Amino acid sequence: MLWSKLEIVIMDGYIYSHESSIACSFYLDPATMGDQGVYACVANNQHGVMAKNFKAEYTY
């Protein structure tokens, strides 16, 4: 599982991620205004590749 923002892969240590056989999530801690934007999650296995984009907003 790869997470990216603006086509730049987010490295371990910056995010906390959780993966199971049916779901995957990640957390930015601490989040900042600069973390707003469109993120992509790309899963890859023997059956193919699936990508999903989502928008993150920072609220104070």
PDB file of N, CA and C in Angstrom:
ATOM      1  N   MET A   1       0.846  -1.166   0.000  1.00  0.00           N
ATOM      2  CA  MET A   1       0.000   0.000   0.000  1.00  0.00           C
ATOM      3  C   MET A   1       0.893   1.231   0.000  1.00  0.00           C
ATOM      4  N   LEU A   2       0.645   2.137  -0.937  1.00  0.00           N
ATOM      5  CA  LEU A   2       1.391   3.387  -1.003  1.00  0.00           C
ATOM      6  C   LEU A   2       0.444   4.560  -0.828  1.00  0.00           C
ATOM      7  N   TRP A   3       0.858   5.514  -0.036  1.00  0.00           N
ATOM      8  CA  TRP A   3       0.120   6.763   0.137  1.00  0.00           C
ATOM      9  C   TRP A   3       0.949   7.877  -0.476  1.00  0.00           C
ATOM     10  N   SER A   4       0.294   8.795  -1.185  1.00  0.00           N
ATOM     11  CA  SER A   4       1.028   9.904  -1.784  1.00  0.00           C
ATOM     12  C   SER A   4       0.197  11.175  -1.759  1.00  0.00           C
ATOM     13  N   LYS A   5       0.910  12.285  -1.875  1.00  0.00           N
ATOM     14  CA  LYS A   5       0.282  13.604  -2.007  1.00  0.00           C
ATOM     15  C   LYS A   5       1.039  14.321  -3.112  1.00  0.00           C
ATOM     16  N   LEU A   6       0.314  14.848  -4.082  1.00  0.00           N
ATOM     17  CA  LEU A   6       0.929  15.521  -5.227  1.00  0.00           C
ATOM     18  C   LEU A   6       1.946  14.615  -5.917  1.00  0.00           C
ATOM     19  N   GLU A   7       1.611  13.329  -6.014  1.00  0.00           N
ATOM     20  CA  GLU A   7       2.427  12.308  -6.672  1.00  0.00           C
ATOM     21  C   GLU A   7       3.766  12.055  -5.982  1.00  0.00           C
ATOM     22  N   ILE A   8       3.904  12.504  -4.726  1.00  0.00           N
ATOM     23  CA  ILE A   8       5.102  12.241  -3.934  1.00  0.00           C
ATOM     24  C   ILE A   8       4.728  11.236  -2.856  1.00  0.00           C
ATOM     25  N   VAL A   9       5.429  10.107  -2.815  1.00  0.00           N
ATOM     26  CA  VAL A   9       5.122   9.060  -1.840  1.00  0.00           C
ATOM     27  C   VAL A   9       5.422   9.569  -0.436  1.00  0.00           C
ATOM     28  N   ILE A  10       4.485   9.336   0.472  1.00  0.00           N
ATOM     29  CA  ILE A  10       4.649   9.731   1.864  1.00  0.00           C
ATOM     30  C   ILE A  10       5.443   8.640   2.566  1.00  0.00           C
ATOM     31  N   MET A  11       6.514   9.028   3.211  1.00  0.00           N
ATOM     32  CA  MET A  11       7.416   8.070   3.837  1.00  0.00           C
ATOM     33  C   MET A  11       6.937   7.684   5.232  1.00  0.00           C
ATOM     34  N   ASP A  12       7.316   6.471   5.652  1.00  0.00           N
ATOM     35  CA  ASP A  12       7.042   6.035   7.018  1.00  0.00           C
ATOM     36  C   ASP A  12       7.696   7.009   7.991  1.00  0.00           C
ATOM     37  N   GLY A  13       7.109   7.144   9.164  1.00  0.00           N
ATOM     38  CA  GLY A  13       7.608   8.076  10.152  1.00  0.00           C
ATOM     39  C   GLY A  13       6.808   9.364  10.146  1.00  0.00           C
ATOM     40  N   TYR A  14       6.230   9.723   9.003  1.00  0.00           N
ATOM     41  CA  TYR A  14       5.385  10.908   8.904  1.00  0.00           C
ATOM     42  C   TYR A  14       3.928  10.544   9.103  1.00  0.00           C
ATOM     43  N   ILE A  15       3.581   9.316   8.767  1.00  0.00           N
ATOM     44  CA  ILE A  15       2.196   8.871   8.899  1.00  0.00           C
ATOM     45  C   ILE A  15       2.130   7.628   9.769  1.00  0.00           C
ATOM     46  N   TYR A  16       0.976   7.434  10.344  1.00  0.00           N
ATOM     47  CA  TYR A  16       0.666   6.199  11.047  1.00  0.00           C
ATOM     48  C   TYR A  16      -0.379   5.493  10.201  1.00  0.00           C
ATOM     49  N   SER A  17      -0.108   4.277   9.782  1.00  0.00           N
ATOM     50  CA  SER A  17      -1.057   3.586   8.914  1.00  0.00           C
ATOM     51  C   SER A  17      -1.520   2.290   9.548  1.00  0.00           C
ATOM     52  N   HIS A  18      -2.687   1.851   9.098  1.00  0.00           N
ATOM     53  CA  HIS A  18      -3.271   0.597   9.559  1.00  0.00           C
ATOM     54  C   HIS A  18      -3.809  -0.127   8.342  1.00  0.00           C
ATOM     55  N   GLU A  19      -3.446  -1.379   8.195  1.00  0.00           N
ATOM     56  CA  GLU A  19      -3.924  -2.179   7.072  1.00  0.00           C
ATOM     57  C   GLU A  19      -4.540  -3.470   7.583  1.00  0.00           C
ATOM     58  N   SER A  20      -5.641  -3.858   6.954  1.00  0.00           N
ATOM     59  CA  SER A  20      -6.237  -5.169   7.198  1.00  0.00           C
ATOM     60  C   SER A  20      -6.572  -5.765   5.842  1.00  0.00           C
ATOM     61  N   SER A  21      -7.223  -6.896   5.828  1.00  0.00           N
ATOM     62  CA  SER A  21      -7.551  -7.528   4.550  1.00  0.00           C
ATOM     63  C   SER A  21      -8.654  -6.795   3.799  1.00  0.00           C
ATOM     64  N   ILE A  22      -9.400  -5.905   4.490  1.00  0.00           N
ATOM     65  CA  ILE A  22     -10.513  -5.220   3.822  1.00  0.00           C
ATOM     66  C   ILE A  22     -10.431  -3.701   3.871  1.00  0.00           C
ATOM     67  N   ALA A  23      -9.518  -3.135   4.651  1.00  0.00           N
ATOM     68  CA  ALA A  23      -9.464  -1.677   4.765  1.00  0.00           C
ATOM     69  C   ALA A  23      -8.049  -1.215   5.082  1.00  0.00           C
ATOM     70  N   CYS A  24      -7.801   0.053   4.776  1.00  0.00           N
ATOM     71  CA  CYS A  24      -6.524   0.665   5.089  1.00  0.00           C
ATOM     72  C   CYS A  24      -6.779   2.130   5.406  1.00  0.00           C
ATOM     73  N   SER A  25      -6.101   2.654   6.401  1.00  0.00           N
ATOM     74  CA  SER A  25      -6.255   4.062   6.748  1.00  0.00           C
ATOM     75  C   SER A  25      -4.914   4.620   7.189  1.00  0.00           C
ATOM     76  N   PHE A  26      -4.806   5.950   7.192  1.00  0.00           N
ATOM     77  CA  PHE A  26      -3.594   6.559   7.718  1.00  0.00           C
ATOM     78  C   PHE A  26      -3.948   7.827   8.474  1.00  0.00           C
ATOM     79  N   TYR A  27      -3.055   8.211   9.378  1.00  0.00           N
ATOM     80  CA  TYR A  27      -3.264   9.367  10.243  1.00  0.00           C
ATOM     81  C   TYR A  27      -2.025  10.240  10.201  1.00  0.00           C
ATOM     82  N   LEU A  28      -2.233  11.546  10.113  1.00  0.00           N
ATOM     83  CA  LEU A  28      -1.143  12.508  10.212  1.00  0.00           C
ATOM     84  C   LEU A  28      -1.174  13.058  11.631  1.00  0.00           C
ATOM     85  N   ASP A  29      -0.081  12.936  12.342  1.00  0.00           N
ATOM     86  CA  ASP A  29      -0.062  13.400  13.727  1.00  0.00           C
ATOM     87  C   ASP A  29       1.310  13.955  14.058  1.00  0.00           C
ATOM     88  N   PRO A  30       1.398  15.256  14.243  1.00  0.00           N
ATOM     89  CA  PRO A  30       0.314  16.233  14.204  1.00  0.00           C
ATOM     90  C   PRO A  30       0.055  16.714  12.779  1.00  0.00           C
ATOM     91  N   ALA A  31      -1.184  17.004  12.472  1.00  0.00           N
ATOM     92  CA  ALA A  31      -1.552  17.551  11.160  1.00  0.00           C
ATOM     93  C   ALA A  31      -1.348  19.066  11.176  1.00  0.00           C
ATOM     94  N   THR A  32      -1.024  19.619  10.015  1.00  0.00           N
ATOM     95  CA  THR A  32      -0.844  21.063   9.877  1.00  0.00           C
ATOM     96  C   THR A  32      -1.642  21.553   8.674  1.00  0.00           C
ATOM     97  N   MET A  33      -1.724  22.875   8.532  1.00  0.00           N
ATOM     98  CA  MET A  33      -2.419  23.453   7.376  1.00  0.00           C
ATOM     99  C   MET A  33      -1.797  22.961   6.069  1.00  0.00           C
ATOM    100  N   GLY A  34      -0.497  22.736   6.058  1.00  0.00           N
ATOM    101  CA  GLY A  34       0.191  22.271   4.859  1.00  0.00           C
ATOM    102  C   GLY A  34      -0.177  20.852   4.451  1.00  0.00           C
ATOM    103  N   ASP A  35      -0.857  20.127   5.342  1.00  0.00           N
ATOM    104  CA  ASP A  35      -1.268  18.757   5.033  1.00  0.00           C
ATOM    105  C   ASP A  35      -2.569  18.697   4.242  1.00  0.00           C
ATOM    106  N   GLN A  36      -3.235  19.848   4.061  1.00  0.00           N
ATOM    107  CA  GLN A  36      -4.451  19.863   3.247  1.00  0.00           C
ATOM    108  C   GLN A  36      -4.106  19.495   1.809  1.00  0.00           C
ATOM    109  N   GLY A  37      -5.063  18.928   1.119  1.00  0.00           N
ATOM    110  CA  GLY A  37      -4.850  18.640  -0.291  1.00  0.00           C
ATOM    111  C   GLY A  37      -5.407  17.299  -0.703  1.00  0.00           C
ATOM    112  N   VAL A  38      -5.054  16.895  -1.898  1.00  0.00           N
ATOM    113  CA  VAL A  38      -5.530  15.632  -2.457  1.00  0.00           C
ATOM    114  C   VAL A  38      -4.469  14.559  -2.230  1.00  0.00           C
ATOM    115  N   TYR A  39      -4.893  13.466  -1.635  1.00  0.00           N
ATOM    116  CA  TYR A  39      -4.035  12.318  -1.359  1.00  0.00           C
ATOM    117  C   TYR A  39      -4.478  11.154  -2.230  1.00  0.00           C
ATOM    118  N   ALA A  40      -3.559  10.237  -2.476  1.00  0.00           N
ATOM    119  CA  ALA A  40      -3.870   9.030  -3.242  1.00  0.00           C
ATOM    120  C   ALA A  40      -3.405   7.814  -2.458  1.00  0.00           C
ATOM    121  N   CYS A  41      -4.201   6.780  -2.543  1.00  0.00           N
ATOM    122  CA  CYS A  41      -3.862   5.489  -1.961  1.00  0.00           C
ATOM    123  C   CYS A  41      -3.809   4.495  -3.121  1.00  0.00           C
ATOM    124  N   VAL A  42      -2.707   3.779  -3.251  1.00  0.00           N
ATOM    125  CA  VAL A  42      -2.548   2.814  -4.334  1.00  0.00           C
ATOM    126  C   VAL A  42      -2.278   1.437  -3.735  1.00  0.00           C
ATOM    127  N   ALA A  43      -3.144   0.495  -4.075  1.00  0.00           N
ATOM    128  CA  ALA A  43      -2.981  -0.896  -3.646  1.00  0.00           C
ATOM    129  C   ALA A  43      -2.572  -1.725  -4.853  1.00  0.00           C
ATOM    130  N   ASN A  44      -1.676  -2.655  -4.638  1.00  0.00           N
ATOM    131  CA  ASN A  44      -1.143  -3.464  -5.726  1.00  0.00           C
ATOM    132  C   ASN A  44      -0.993  -4.901  -5.234  1.00  0.00           C
ATOM    133  N   ASN A  45      -1.582  -5.849  -5.961  1.00  0.00           N
ATOM    134  CA  ASN A  45      -1.392  -7.265  -5.640  1.00  0.00           C
ATOM    135  C   ASN A  45      -1.460  -8.092  -6.924  1.00  0.00           C
ATOM    136  N   GLN A  46      -1.516  -9.403  -6.790  1.00  0.00           N
ATOM    137  CA  GLN A  46      -1.504 -10.285  -7.956  1.00  0.00           C
ATOM    138  C   GLN A  46      -2.728 -10.119  -8.852  1.00  0.00           C
ATOM    139  N   HIS A  47      -3.782  -9.485  -8.363  1.00  0.00           N
ATOM    140  CA  HIS A  47      -5.003  -9.289  -9.144  1.00  0.00           C
ATOM    141  C   HIS A  47      -5.027  -7.950  -9.886  1.00  0.00           C
ATOM    142  N   GLY A  48      -4.083  -7.067  -9.580  1.00  0.00           N
ATOM    143  CA  GLY A  48      -4.041  -5.792 -10.271  1.00  0.00           C
ATOM    144  C   GLY A  48      -3.714  -4.634  -9.353  1.00  0.00           C
ATOM    145  N   VAL A  49      -3.995  -3.440  -9.855  1.00  0.00           N
ATOM    146  CA  VAL A  49      -3.704  -2.203  -9.136  1.00  0.00           C
ATOM    147  C   VAL A  49      -4.992  -1.409  -9.009  1.00  0.00           C
ATOM    148  N   MET A  50      -5.202  -0.810  -7.838  1.00  0.00           N
ATOM    149  CA  MET A  50      -6.377   0.031  -7.605  1.00  0.00           C
ATOM    150  C   MET A  50      -5.906   1.308  -6.920  1.00  0.00           C
ATOM    151  N   ALA A  51      -6.386   2.451  -7.412  1.00  0.00           N
ATOM    152  CA  ALA A  51      -6.021   3.737  -6.827  1.00  0.00           C
ATOM    153  C   ALA A  51      -7.279   4.506  -6.460  1.00  0.00           C
ATOM    154  N   LYS A  52      -7.197   5.251  -5.378  1.00  0.00           N
ATOM    155  CA  LYS A  52      -8.318   6.080  -4.927  1.00  0.00           C
ATOM    156  C   LYS A  52      -7.767   7.406  -4.434  1.00  0.00           C
ATOM    157  N   ASN A  53      -8.349   8.500  -4.897  1.00  0.00           N
ATOM    158  CA  ASN A  53      -7.975   9.837  -4.447  1.00  0.00           C
ATOM    159  C   ASN A  53      -8.992  10.353  -3.444  1.00  0.00           C
ATOM    160  N   PHE A  54      -8.530  11.161  -2.503  1.00  0.00           N
ATOM    161  CA  PHE A  54      -9.442  11.807  -1.575  1.00  0.00           C
ATOM    162  C   PHE A  54      -8.871  13.146  -1.148  1.00  0.00           C
ATOM    163  N   LYS A  55      -9.761  14.037  -0.713  1.00  0.00           N
ATOM    164  CA  LYS A  55      -9.376  15.386  -0.319  1.00  0.00           C
ATOM    165  C   LYS A  55      -9.373  15.491   1.196  1.00  0.00           C
ATOM    166  N   ALA A  56      -8.283  16.002   1.740  1.00  0.00           N
ATOM    167  CA  ALA A  56      -8.173  16.212   3.183  1.00  0.00           C
ATOM    168  C   ALA A  56      -8.204  17.709   3.467  1.00  0.00           C
ATOM    169  N   GLU A  57      -8.996  18.100   4.442  1.00  0.00           N
ATOM    170  CA  GLU A  57      -9.075  19.497   4.860  1.00  0.00           C
ATOM    171  C   GLU A  57      -8.654  19.611   6.313  1.00  0.00           C
ATOM    172  N   TYR A  58      -7.947  20.670   6.635  1.00  0.00           N
ATOM    173  CA  TYR A  58      -7.501  20.927   8.000  1.00  0.00           C
ATOM    174  C   TYR A  58      -8.486  21.885   8.650  1.00  0.00           C
ATOM    175  N   THR A  59      -8.999  21.525   9.799  1.00  0.00           N
ATOM    176  CA  THR A  59      -9.872  22.428  10.556  1.00  0.00           C
ATOM    177  C   THR A  59      -9.283  22.619  11.936  1.00  0.00           C
ATOM    178  N   TYR A  60      -9.352  23.835  12.420  1.00  0.00           N
ATOM    179  CA  TYR A  60      -8.767  24.156  13.719  1.00  0.00           C
ATOM    180  C   TYR A  60      -9.831  24.223  14.765  1.00  0.00           C
TER     181      TYR A  60
END
